């Protein structure tokens, strides 16, 4: 999560994330800051 946000020049503080899948192909299922979904901004 932190590497993704840094690569997109987004702050990395107060982040909550949920990851699951298989090794080397697990998925960032959720990523929020203070309860706000960050995926729309990440995808843009």
ModelCIF file with pLDDT and N, C-alpha, C, O atoms, coordinates in Angstrom:
data_MODEL
#
_entry.id   MODEL 
#
_entity.id                         1 
_entity.type                       polymer 
_entity.pdbx_number_of_molecules   1 
#
_entity_poly.entity_id                      1 
_entity_poly.type                           'polypeptide(L)' 
_entity_poly.nstd_linkage                   no 
_entity_poly.nstd_monomer                   no 
_entity_poly.pdbx_seq_one_letter_code       
;(UNK)(UNK)(UNK)(UNK)(UNK)(UNK)(UNK)(UNK)(UNK)(UNK)(UNK)(UNK)(UNK)(UNK)(UNK)(UNK)
(UNK)(UNK)(UNK)(UNK)(UNK)(UNK)(UNK)(UNK)(UNK)(UNK)(UNK)(UNK)(UNK)(UNK)(UNK)(UNK)
(UNK)(UNK)(UNK)(UNK)(UNK)(UNK)(UNK)(UNK)(UNK)(UNK)(UNK)(UNK)
;
_entity_poly.pdbx_seq_one_letter_code_can   XXXXXXXXXXXXXXXXXXXXXXXXXXXXXXXXXXXXXXXXXXXX 
_entity_poly.pdbx_strand_id                 A 
#
loop_
_entity_poly_seq.entity_id 
_entity_poly_seq.num 
_entity_poly_seq.mon_id 
_entity_poly_seq.hetero 
1 1  UNK n 
1 2  UNK n 
1 3  UNK n 
1 4  UNK n 
1 5  UNK n 
1 6  UNK n 
1 7  UNK n 
1 8  UNK n 
1 9  UNK n 
1 10 UNK n 
1 11 UNK n 
1 12 UNK n 
1 13 UNK n 
1 14 UNK n 
1 15 UNK n 
1 16 UNK n 
1 17 UNK n 
1 18 UNK n 
1 19 UNK n 
1 20 UNK n 
1 21 UNK n 
1 22 UNK n 
1 23 UNK n 
1 24 UNK n 
1 25 UNK n 
1 26 UNK n 
1 27 UNK n 
1 28 UNK n 
1 29 UNK n 
1 30 UNK n 
1 31 UNK n 
1 32 UNK n 
1 33 UNK n 
1 34 UNK n 
1 35 UNK n 
1 36 UNK n 
1 37 UNK n 
1 38 UNK n 
1 39 UNK n 
1 40 UNK n 
1 41 UNK n 
1 42 UNK n 
1 43 UNK n 
1 44 UNK n 
#
_struct_asym.id          A 
_struct_asym.entity_id   1 
#
loop_
_ma_qa_metric.id 
_ma_qa_metric.mode 
_ma_qa_metric.name 
_ma_qa_metric.software_group_id 
_ma_qa_metric.type 
1 global pLDDT . pLDDT 
2 local  pLDDT . pLDDT 
#
_ma_qa_metric_global.metric_id      1 
_ma_qa_metric_global.metric_value   97.64 
_ma_qa_metric_global.model_id       1 
_ma_qa_metric_global.ordinal_id     1 
#
loop_
_ma_qa_metric_local.label_asym_id 
_ma_qa_metric_local.label_comp_id 
_ma_qa_metric_local.label_seq_id 
_ma_qa_metric_local.metric_id 
_ma_qa_metric_local.metric_value 
_ma_qa_metric_local.model_id 
_ma_qa_metric_local.ordinal_id 
A UNK 1  2 97.00 1 1  
A UNK 2  2 97.00 1 2  
A UNK 3  2 97.00 1 3  
A UNK 4  2 98.00 1 4  
A UNK 5  2 98.00 1 5  
A UNK 6  2 98.00 1 6  
A UNK 7  2 97.00 1 7  
A UNK 8  2 98.00 1 8  
A UNK 9  2 97.00 1 9  
A UNK 10 2 98.00 1 10 
A UNK 11 2 97.00 1 11 
A UNK 12 2 97.00 1 12 
A UNK 13 2 96.00 1 13 
A UNK 14 2 97.00 1 14 
A UNK 15 2 97.00 1 15 
A UNK 16 2 97.00 1 16 
A UNK 17 2 98.00 1 17 
A UNK 18 2 98.00 1 18 
A UNK 19 2 98.00 1 19 
A UNK 20 2 98.00 1 20 
A UNK 21 2 98.00 1 21 
A UNK 22 2 98.00 1 22 
A UNK 23 2 98.00 1 23 
A UNK 24 2 98.00 1 24 
A UNK 25 2 98.00 1 25 
A UNK 26 2 98.00 1 26 
A UNK 27 2 98.00 1 27 
A UNK 28 2 98.00 1 28 
A UNK 29 2 98.00 1 29 
A UNK 30 2 98.00 1 30 
A UNK 31 2 98.00 1 31 
A UNK 32 2 98.00 1 32 
A UNK 33 2 97.00 1 33 
A UNK 34 2 97.00 1 34 
A UNK 35 2 96.00 1 35 
A UNK 36 2 98.00 1 36 
A UNK 37 2 98.00 1 37 
A UNK 38 2 98.00 1 38 
A UNK 39 2 98.00 1 39 
A UNK 40 2 98.00 1 40 
A UNK 41 2 98.00 1 41 
A UNK 42 2 98.00 1 42 
A UNK 43 2 98.00 1 43 
A UNK 44 2 98.00 1 44 
#
loop_
_atom_site.group_PDB 
_atom_site.id 
_atom_site.type_symbol 
_atom_site.label_atom_id 
_atom_site.label_alt_id 
_atom_site.label_comp_id 
_atom_site.label_asym_id 
_atom_site.label_entity_id 
_atom_site.label_seq_id 
_atom_site.pdbx_PDB_ins_code 
_atom_site.Cartn_x 
_atom_site.Cartn_y 
_atom_site.Cartn_z 
_atom_site.occupancy 
_atom_site.B_iso_or_equiv 
_atom_site.pdbx_formal_charge 
_atom_site.auth_seq_id 
_atom_site.auth_comp_id 
_atom_site.auth_asym_id 
_atom_site.auth_atom_id 
_atom_site.pdbx_PDB_model_num 
ATOM 1   N N  . UNK A 1 1  ? 0.824   -1.212  0.000   1.00 97.00 ? 1  UNK A N  1 
ATOM 2   C CA . UNK A 1 1  ? 0.000   0.000   0.000   1.00 97.00 ? 1  UNK A CA 1 
ATOM 3   C C  . UNK A 1 1  ? 0.858   1.261   0.000   1.00 97.00 ? 1  UNK A C  1 
ATOM 4   O O  . UNK A 1 1  ? 0.596   2.192   -0.761  1.00 97.00 ? 1  UNK A O  1 
ATOM 5   N N  . UNK A 1 2  ? 1.877   1.292   0.850   1.00 97.00 ? 2  UNK A N  1 
ATOM 6   C CA . UNK A 1 2  ? 2.705   2.508   0.941   1.00 97.00 ? 2  UNK A CA 1 
ATOM 7   C C  . UNK A 1 2  ? 3.469   2.759   -0.352  1.00 97.00 ? 2  UNK A C  1 
ATOM 8   O O  . UNK A 1 2  ? 3.567   3.900   -0.802  1.00 97.00 ? 2  UNK A O  1 
ATOM 9   N N  . UNK A 1 3  ? 4.013   1.696   -0.954  1.00 97.00 ? 3  UNK A N  1 
ATOM 10  C CA . UNK A 1 3  ? 4.748   1.871   -2.212  1.00 97.00 ? 3  UNK A CA 1 
ATOM 11  C C  . UNK A 1 3  ? 3.824   2.367   -3.322  1.00 97.00 ? 3  UNK A C  1 
ATOM 12  O O  . UNK A 1 3  ? 4.220   3.215   -4.121  1.00 97.00 ? 3  UNK A O  1 
ATOM 13  N N  . UNK A 1 4  ? 2.606   1.850   -3.379  1.00 98.00 ? 4  UNK A N  1 
ATOM 14  C CA . UNK A 1 4  ? 1.644   2.303   -4.390  1.00 98.00 ? 4  UNK A CA 1 
ATOM 15  C C  . UNK A 1 4  ? 1.345   3.780   -4.211  1.00 98.00 ? 4  UNK A C  1 
ATOM 16  O O  . UNK A 1 4  ? 1.383   4.543   -5.176  1.00 98.00 ? 4  UNK A O  1 
ATOM 17  N N  . UNK A 1 5  ? 1.052   4.185   -2.999  1.00 98.00 ? 5  UNK A N  1 
ATOM 18  C CA . UNK A 1 5  ? 0.705   5.585   -2.745  1.00 98.00 ? 5  UNK A CA 1 
ATOM 19  C C  . UNK A 1 5  ? 1.887   6.503   -3.045  1.00 98.00 ? 5  UNK A C  1 
ATOM 20  O O  . UNK A 1 5  ? 1.713   7.560   -3.651  1.00 98.00 ? 5  UNK A O  1 
ATOM 21  N N  . UNK A 1 6  ? 3.078   6.108   -2.628  1.00 98.00 ? 6  UNK A N  1 
ATOM 22  C CA . UNK A 1 6  ? 4.261   6.935   -2.903  1.00 98.00 ? 6  UNK A CA 1 
ATOM 23  C C  . UNK A 1 6  ? 4.493   7.088   -4.398  1.00 98.00 ? 6  UNK A C  1 
ATOM 24  O O  . UNK A 1 6  ? 4.870   8.165   -4.859  1.00 98.00 ? 6  UNK A O  1 
ATOM 25  N N  . UNK A 1 7  ? 4.271   6.013   -5.164  1.00 97.00 ? 7  UNK A N  1 
ATOM 26  C CA . UNK A 1 7  ? 4.500   6.081   -6.606  1.00 97.00 ? 7  UNK A CA 1 
ATOM 27  C C  . UNK A 1 7  ? 3.522   7.018   -7.295  1.00 97.00 ? 7  UNK A C  1 
ATOM 28  O O  . UNK A 1 7  ? 3.801   7.535   -8.377  1.00 97.00 ? 7  UNK A O  1 
ATOM 29  N N  . UNK A 1 8  ? 2.372   7.233   -6.660  1.00 98.00 ? 8  UNK A N  1 
ATOM 30  C CA . UNK A 1 8  ? 1.354   8.121   -7.229  1.00 98.00 ? 8  UNK A CA 1 
ATOM 31  C C  . UNK A 1 8  ? 1.335   9.482   -6.538  1.00 98.00 ? 8  UNK A C  1 
ATOM 32  O O  . UNK A 1 8  ? 0.429   10.289  -6.750  1.00 98.00 ? 8  UNK A O  1 
ATOM 33  N N  . UNK A 1 9  ? 2.358   9.725   -5.703  1.00 97.00 ? 9  UNK A N  1 
ATOM 34  C CA . UNK A 1 9  ? 2.512   10.998  -4.987  1.00 97.00 ? 9  UNK A CA 1 
ATOM 35  C C  . UNK A 1 9  ? 1.291   11.301  -4.116  1.00 97.00 ? 9  UNK A C  1 
ATOM 36  O O  . UNK A 1 9  ? 0.774   12.418  -4.092  1.00 97.00 ? 9  UNK A O  1 
ATOM 37  N N  . UNK A 1 10 ? 0.852   10.258  -3.401  1.00 98.00 ? 10 UNK A N  1 
ATOM 38  C CA . UNK A 1 10 ? -0.234  10.394  -2.436  1.00 98.00 ? 10 UNK A CA 1 
ATOM 39  C C  . UNK A 1 10 ? 0.313   10.152  -1.033  1.00 98.00 ? 10 UNK A C  1 
ATOM 40  O O  . UNK A 1 10 ? 1.230   9.347   -0.871  1.00 98.00 ? 10 UNK A O  1 
ATOM 41  N N  . UNK A 1 11 ? -0.216  10.816  -0.025  1.00 97.00 ? 11 UNK A N  1 
ATOM 42  C CA . UNK A 1 11 ? 0.294   10.632  1.343   1.00 97.00 ? 11 UNK A CA 1 
ATOM 43  C C  . UNK A 1 11 ? 0.022   9.226   1.858   1.00 97.00 ? 11 UNK A C  1 
ATOM 44  O O  . UNK A 1 11 ? -0.938  8.579   1.441   1.00 97.00 ? 11 UNK A O  1 
ATOM 45  N N  . UNK A 1 12 ? 0.877   8.756   2.769   1.00 97.00 ? 12 UNK A N  1 
ATOM 46  C CA . UNK A 1 12 ? 0.794   7.383   3.260   1.00 97.00 ? 12 UNK A CA 1 
ATOM 47  C C  . UNK A 1 12 ? 0.378   7.285   4.727   1.00 97.00 ? 12 UNK A C  1 
ATOM 48  O O  . UNK A 1 12 ? 0.354   6.190   5.288   1.00 97.00 ? 12 UNK A O  1 
ATOM 49  N N  . UNK A 1 13 ? 0.051   8.411   5.351   1.00 96.00 ? 13 UNK A N  1 
ATOM 50  C CA . UNK A 1 13 ? -0.323  8.382   6.763   1.00 96.00 ? 13 UNK A CA 1 
ATOM 51  C C  . UNK A 1 13 ? -1.804  8.012   6.917   1.00 96.00 ? 13 UNK A C  1 
ATOM 52  O O  . UNK A 1 13 ? -2.610  8.212   6.009   1.00 96.00 ? 13 UNK A O  1 
ATOM 53  N N  . UNK A 1 14 ? -2.134  7.473   8.084   1.00 97.00 ? 14 UNK A N  1 
ATOM 54  C CA . UNK A 1 14 ? -3.512  7.140   8.473   1.00 97.00 ? 14 UNK A CA 1 
ATOM 55  C C  . UNK A 1 14 ? -4.187  6.217   7.452   1.00 97.00 ? 14 UNK A C  1 
ATOM 56  O O  . UNK A 1 14 ? -5.363  6.378   7.125   1.00 97.00 ? 14 UNK A O  1 
ATOM 57  N N  . UNK A 1 15 ? -3.419  5.259   6.965   1.00 97.00 ? 15 UNK A N  1 
ATOM 58  C CA . UNK A 1 15 ? -3.921  4.351   5.933   1.00 97.00 ? 15 UNK A CA 1 
ATOM 59  C C  . UNK A 1 15 ? -4.374  3.039   6.574   1.00 97.00 ? 15 UNK A C  1 
ATOM 60  O O  . UNK A 1 15 ? -3.725  2.518   7.481   1.00 97.00 ? 15 UNK A O  1 
ATOM 61  N N  . UNK A 1 16 ? -5.482  2.525   6.090   1.00 97.00 ? 16 UNK A N  1 
ATOM 62  C CA . UNK A 1 16 ? -5.919  1.169   6.426   1.00 97.00 ? 16 UNK A CA 1 
ATOM 63  C C  . UNK A 1 16 ? -6.052  0.390   5.130   1.00 97.00 ? 16 UNK A C  1 
ATOM 64  O O  . UNK A 1 16 ? -6.621  0.877   4.153   1.00 97.00 ? 16 UNK A O  1 
ATOM 65  N N  . UNK A 1 17 ? -5.514  -0.836  5.133   1.00 98.00 ? 17 UNK A N  1 
ATOM 66  C CA . UNK A 1 17 ? -5.611  -1.654  3.929   1.00 98.00 ? 17 UNK A CA 1 
ATOM 67  C C  . UNK A 1 17 ? -5.940  -3.093  4.292   1.00 98.00 ? 17 UNK A C  1 
ATOM 68  O O  . UNK A 1 17 ? -5.715  -3.531  5.420   1.00 98.00 ? 17 UNK A O  1 
ATOM 69  N N  . UNK A 1 18 ? -6.475  -3.821  3.321   1.00 98.00 ? 18 UNK A N  1 
ATOM 70  C CA . UNK A 1 18 ? -6.801  -5.237  3.472   1.00 98.00 ? 18 UNK A CA 1 
ATOM 71  C C  . UNK A 1 18 ? -6.289  -5.970  2.241   1.00 98.00 ? 18 UNK A C  1 
ATOM 72  O O  . UNK A 1 18 ? -6.623  -5.611  1.112   1.00 98.00 ? 18 UNK A O  1 
ATOM 73  N N  . UNK A 1 19 ? -5.470  -7.008  2.465   1.00 98.00 ? 19 UNK A N  1 
ATOM 74  C CA . UNK A 1 19 ? -4.812  -7.730  1.372   1.00 98.00 ? 19 UNK A CA 1 
ATOM 75  C C  . UNK A 1 19 ? -5.050  -9.219  1.535   1.00 98.00 ? 19 UNK A C  1 
ATOM 76  O O  . UNK A 1 19 ? -4.915  -9.760  2.632   1.00 98.00 ? 19 UNK A O  1 
ATOM 77  N N  . UNK A 1 20 ? -5.406  -9.884  0.437   1.00 98.00 ? 20 UNK A N  1 
ATOM 78  C CA . UNK A 1 20 ? -5.571  -11.339 0.457   1.00 98.00 ? 20 UNK A CA 1 
ATOM 79  C C  . UNK A 1 20 ? -5.474  -11.879 -0.960  1.00 98.00 ? 20 UNK A C  1 
ATOM 80  O O  . UNK A 1 20 ? -5.721  -11.164 -1.931  1.00 98.00 ? 20 UNK A O  1 
ATOM 81  N N  . UNK A 1 21 ? -5.112  -13.147 -1.062  1.00 98.00 ? 21 UNK A N  1 
ATOM 82  C CA . UNK A 1 21 ? -4.974  -13.822 -2.354  1.00 98.00 ? 21 UNK A CA 1 
ATOM 83  C C  . UNK A 1 21 ? -4.001  -14.968 -2.204  1.00 98.00 ? 21 UNK A C  1 
ATOM 84  O O  . UNK A 1 21 ? -4.126  -15.765 -1.274  1.00 98.00 ? 21 UNK A O  1 
ATOM 85  N N  . UNK A 1 22 ? -3.024  -15.069 -3.107  1.00 98.00 ? 22 UNK A N  1 
ATOM 86  C CA . UNK A 1 22 ? -1.949  -16.051 -2.997  1.00 98.00 ? 22 UNK A CA 1 
ATOM 87  C C  . UNK A 1 22 ? -0.623  -15.309 -3.036  1.00 98.00 ? 22 UNK A C  1 
ATOM 88  O O  . UNK A 1 22 ? -0.566  -14.137 -3.409  1.00 98.00 ? 22 UNK A O  1 
ATOM 89  N N  . UNK A 1 23 ? 0.437   -15.996 -2.651  1.00 98.00 ? 23 UNK A N  1 
ATOM 90  C CA . UNK A 1 23 ? 1.732   -15.333 -2.612  1.00 98.00 ? 23 UNK A CA 1 
ATOM 91  C C  . UNK A 1 23 ? 2.122   -14.771 -3.972  1.00 98.00 ? 23 UNK A C  1 
ATOM 92  O O  . UNK A 1 23 ? 1.983   -15.446 -4.992  1.00 98.00 ? 23 UNK A O  1 
ATOM 93  N N  . UNK A 1 24 ? 2.603   -13.551 -3.984  1.00 98.00 ? 24 UNK A N  1 
ATOM 94  C CA . UNK A 1 24 ? 3.014   -12.803 -5.171  1.00 98.00 ? 24 UNK A CA 1 
ATOM 95  C C  . UNK A 1 24 ? 1.837   -12.427 -6.069  1.00 98.00 ? 24 UNK A C  1 
ATOM 96  O O  . UNK A 1 24 ? 2.011   -11.716 -7.059  1.00 98.00 ? 24 UNK A O  1 
ATOM 97  N N  . UNK A 1 25 ? 0.631   -12.906 -5.720  1.00 98.00 ? 25 UNK A N  1 
ATOM 98  C CA . UNK A 1 25 ? -0.552  -12.451 -6.423  1.00 98.00 ? 25 UNK A CA 1 
ATOM 99  C C  . UNK A 1 25 ? -1.688  -12.293 -5.418  1.00 98.00 ? 25 UNK A C  1 
ATOM 100 O O  . UNK A 1 25 ? -2.787  -12.816 -5.603  1.00 98.00 ? 25 UNK A O  1 
ATOM 101 N N  . UNK A 1 26 ? -1.392  -11.560 -4.352  1.00 98.00 ? 26 UNK A N  1 
ATOM 102 C CA . UNK A 1 26 ? -2.420  -11.150 -3.412  1.00 98.00 ? 26 UNK A CA 1 
ATOM 103 C C  . UNK A 1 26 ? -2.907  -9.767  -3.841  1.00 98.00 ? 26 UNK A C  1 
ATOM 104 O O  . UNK A 1 26 ? -2.213  -9.035  -4.546  1.00 98.00 ? 26 UNK A O  1 
ATOM 105 N N  . UNK A 1 27 ? -4.096  -9.434  -3.404  1.00 98.00 ? 27 UNK A N  1 
ATOM 106 C CA . UNK A 1 27 ? -4.774  -8.255  -3.938  1.00 98.00 ? 27 UNK A CA 1 
ATOM 107 C C  . UNK A 1 27 ? -5.045  -7.228  -2.851  1.00 98.00 ? 27 UNK A C  1 
ATOM 108 O O  . UNK A 1 27 ? -5.457  -7.566  -1.741  1.00 98.00 ? 27 UNK A O  1 
ATOM 109 N N  . UNK A 1 28 ? -4.807  -5.973  -3.192  1.00 98.00 ? 28 UNK A N  1 
ATOM 110 C CA . UNK A 1 28 ? -5.151  -4.868  -2.302  1.00 98.00 ? 28 UNK A CA 1 
ATOM 111 C C  . UNK A 1 28 ? -6.660  -4.662  -2.408  1.00 98.00 ? 28 UNK A C  1 
ATOM 112 O O  . UNK A 1 28 ? -7.138  -3.892  -3.240  1.00 98.00 ? 28 UNK A O  1 
ATOM 113 N N  . UNK A 1 29 ? -7.393  -5.357  -1.558  1.00 98.00 ? 29 UNK A N  1 
ATOM 114 C CA . UNK A 1 29 ? -8.855  -5.379  -1.661  1.00 98.00 ? 29 UNK A CA 1 
ATOM 115 C C  . UNK A 1 29 ? -9.484  -4.080  -1.190  1.00 98.00 ? 29 UNK A C  1 
ATOM 116 O O  . UNK A 1 29 ? -10.496 -3.636  -1.734  1.00 98.00 ? 29 UNK A O  1 
ATOM 117 N N  . UNK A 1 30 ? -8.881  -3.474  -0.179  1.00 98.00 ? 30 UNK A N  1 
ATOM 118 C CA . UNK A 1 30 ? -9.392  -2.214  0.362   1.00 98.00 ? 30 UNK A CA 1 
ATOM 119 C C  . UNK A 1 30 ? -8.221  -1.313  0.705   1.00 98.00 ? 30 UNK A C  1 
ATOM 120 O O  . UNK A 1 30 ? -7.188  -1.788  1.176   1.00 98.00 ? 30 UNK A O  1 
ATOM 121 N N  . UNK A 1 31 ? -8.370  -0.025  0.474   1.00 98.00 ? 31 UNK A N  1 
ATOM 122 C CA . UNK A 1 31 ? -7.388  0.950   0.925   1.00 98.00 ? 31 UNK A CA 1 
ATOM 123 C C  . UNK A 1 31 ? -8.118  2.251   1.217   1.00 98.00 ? 31 UNK A C  1 
ATOM 124 O O  . UNK A 1 31 ? -8.745  2.836   0.334   1.00 98.00 ? 31 UNK A O  1 
ATOM 125 N N  . UNK A 1 32 ? -8.032  2.700   2.468   1.00 98.00 ? 32 UNK A N  1 
ATOM 126 C CA . UNK A 1 32 ? -8.758  3.890   2.908   1.00 98.00 ? 32 UNK A CA 1 
ATOM 127 C C  . UNK A 1 32 ? -7.847  4.787   3.728   1.00 98.00 ? 32 UNK A C  1 
ATOM 128 O O  . UNK A 1 32 ? -6.857  4.333   4.301   1.00 98.00 ? 32 UNK A O  1 
ATOM 129 N N  . UNK A 1 33 ? -8.194  6.058   3.775   1.00 97.00 ? 33 UNK A N  1 
ATOM 130 C CA . UNK A 1 33 ? -7.592  7.006   4.706   1.00 97.00 ? 33 UNK A CA 1 
ATOM 131 C C  . UNK A 1 33 ? -8.711  7.640   5.498   1.00 97.00 ? 33 UNK A C  1 
ATOM 132 O O  . UNK A 1 33 ? -9.607  8.269   4.936   1.00 97.00 ? 33 UNK A O  1 
ATOM 133 N N  . UNK A 1 34 ? -8.656  7.471   6.812   1.00 97.00 ? 34 UNK A N  1 
ATOM 134 C CA . UNK A 1 34 ? -9.707  8.004   7.689   1.00 97.00 ? 34 UNK A CA 1 
ATOM 135 C C  . UNK A 1 34 ? -11.091 7.569   7.214   1.00 97.00 ? 34 UNK A C  1 
ATOM 136 O O  . UNK A 1 34 ? -12.051 8.337   7.285   1.00 97.00 ? 34 UNK A O  1 
ATOM 137 N N  . UNK A 1 35 ? -11.184 6.331   6.730   1.00 96.00 ? 35 UNK A N  1 
ATOM 138 C CA . UNK A 1 35 ? -12.466 5.782   6.305   1.00 96.00 ? 35 UNK A CA 1 
ATOM 139 C C  . UNK A 1 35 ? -12.878 6.087   4.881   1.00 96.00 ? 35 UNK A C  1 
ATOM 140 O O  . UNK A 1 35 ? -13.892 5.569   4.413   1.00 96.00 ? 35 UNK A O  1 
ATOM 141 N N  . UNK A 1 36 ? -12.116 6.917   4.175   1.00 98.00 ? 36 UNK A N  1 
ATOM 142 C CA . UNK A 1 36 ? -12.459 7.277   2.797   1.00 98.00 ? 36 UNK A CA 1 
ATOM 143 C C  . UNK A 1 36 ? -11.750 6.341   1.818   1.00 98.00 ? 36 UNK A C  1 
ATOM 144 O O  . UNK A 1 36 ? -10.541 6.130   1.912   1.00 98.00 ? 36 UNK A O  1 
ATOM 145 N N  . UNK A 1 37 ? -12.515 5.786   0.880   1.00 98.00 ? 37 UNK A N  1 
ATOM 146 C CA . UNK A 1 37 ? -11.966 4.881   -0.130  1.00 98.00 ? 37 UNK A CA 1 
ATOM 147 C C  . UNK A 1 37 ? -11.002 5.642   -1.040  1.00 98.00 ? 37 UNK A C  1 
ATOM 148 O O  . UNK A 1 37 ? -11.376 6.645   -1.648  1.00 98.00 ? 37 UNK A O  1 
ATOM 149 N N  . UNK A 1 38 ? -9.758  5.160   -1.128  1.00 98.00 ? 38 UNK A N  1 
ATOM 150 C CA . UNK A 1 38 ? -8.750  5.824   -1.957  1.00 98.00 ? 38 UNK A CA 1 
ATOM 151 C C  . UNK A 1 38 ? -8.681  5.274   -3.372  1.00 98.00 ? 38 UNK A C  1 
ATOM 152 O O  . UNK A 1 38 ? -7.990  5.841   -4.219  1.00 98.00 ? 38 UNK A O  1 
ATOM 153 N N  . UNK A 1 39 ? -9.380  4.186   -3.643  1.00 98.00 ? 39 UNK A N  1 
ATOM 154 C CA . UNK A 1 39 ? -9.262  3.564   -4.965  1.00 98.00 ? 39 UNK A CA 1 
ATOM 155 C C  . UNK A 1 39 ? -9.661  4.480   -6.130  1.00 98.00 ? 39 UNK A C  1 
ATOM 156 O O  . UNK A 1 39 ? -8.973  4.460   -7.151  1.00 98.00 ? 39 UNK A O  1 
ATOM 157 N N  . UNK A 1 40 ? -10.723 5.273   -6.036  1.00 98.00 ? 40 UNK A N  1 
ATOM 158 C CA . UNK A 1 40 ? -11.038 6.149   -7.174  1.00 98.00 ? 40 UNK A CA 1 
ATOM 159 C C  . UNK A 1 40 ? -9.885  7.083   -7.552  1.00 98.00 ? 40 UNK A C  1 
ATOM 160 O O  . UNK A 1 40 ? -9.592  7.263   -8.734  1.00 98.00 ? 40 UNK A O  1 
ATOM 161 N N  . UNK A 1 41 ? -9.237  7.671   -6.556  1.00 98.00 ? 41 UNK A N  1 
ATOM 162 C CA . UNK A 1 41 ? -8.109  8.557   -6.826  1.00 98.00 ? 41 UNK A CA 1 
ATOM 163 C C  . UNK A 1 41 ? -6.903  7.765   -7.331  1.00 98.00 ? 41 UNK A C  1 
ATOM 164 O O  . UNK A 1 41 ? -6.197  8.215   -8.234  1.00 98.00 ? 41 UNK A O  1 
ATOM 165 N N  . UNK A 1 42 ? -6.670  6.600   -6.757  1.00 98.00 ? 42 UNK A N  1 
ATOM 166 C CA . UNK A 1 42 ? -5.559  5.747   -7.204  1.00 98.00 ? 42 UNK A CA 1 
ATOM 167 C C  . UNK A 1 42 ? -5.732  5.379   -8.666  1.00 98.00 ? 42 UNK A C  1 
ATOM 168 O O  . UNK A 1 42 ? -4.785  5.486   -9.445  1.00 98.00 ? 42 UNK A O  1 
ATOM 169 N N  . UNK A 1 43 ? -6.920  4.949   -9.050  1.00 98.00 ? 43 UNK A N  1 
ATOM 170 C CA . UNK A 1 43 ? -7.154  4.514   -10.426 1.00 98.00 ? 43 UNK A CA 1 
ATOM 171 C C  . UNK A 1 43 ? -7.015  5.667   -11.417 1.00 98.00 ? 43 UNK A C  1 
ATOM 172 O O  . UNK A 1 43 ? -6.497  5.490   -12.519 1.00 98.00 ? 43 UNK A O  1 
ATOM 173 N N  . UNK A 1 44 ? -7.478  6.839   -11.017 1.00 98.00 ? 44 UNK A N  1 
ATOM 174 C CA . UNK A 1 44 ? -7.356  8.009   -11.909 1.00 98.00 ? 44 UNK A CA 1 
ATOM 175 C C  . UNK A 1 44 ? -5.889  8.366   -12.123 1.00 98.00 ? 44 UNK A C  1 
ATOM 176 O O  . UNK A 1 44 ? -5.583  9.318   -12.840 1.00 98.00 ? 44 UNK A O  1 
#
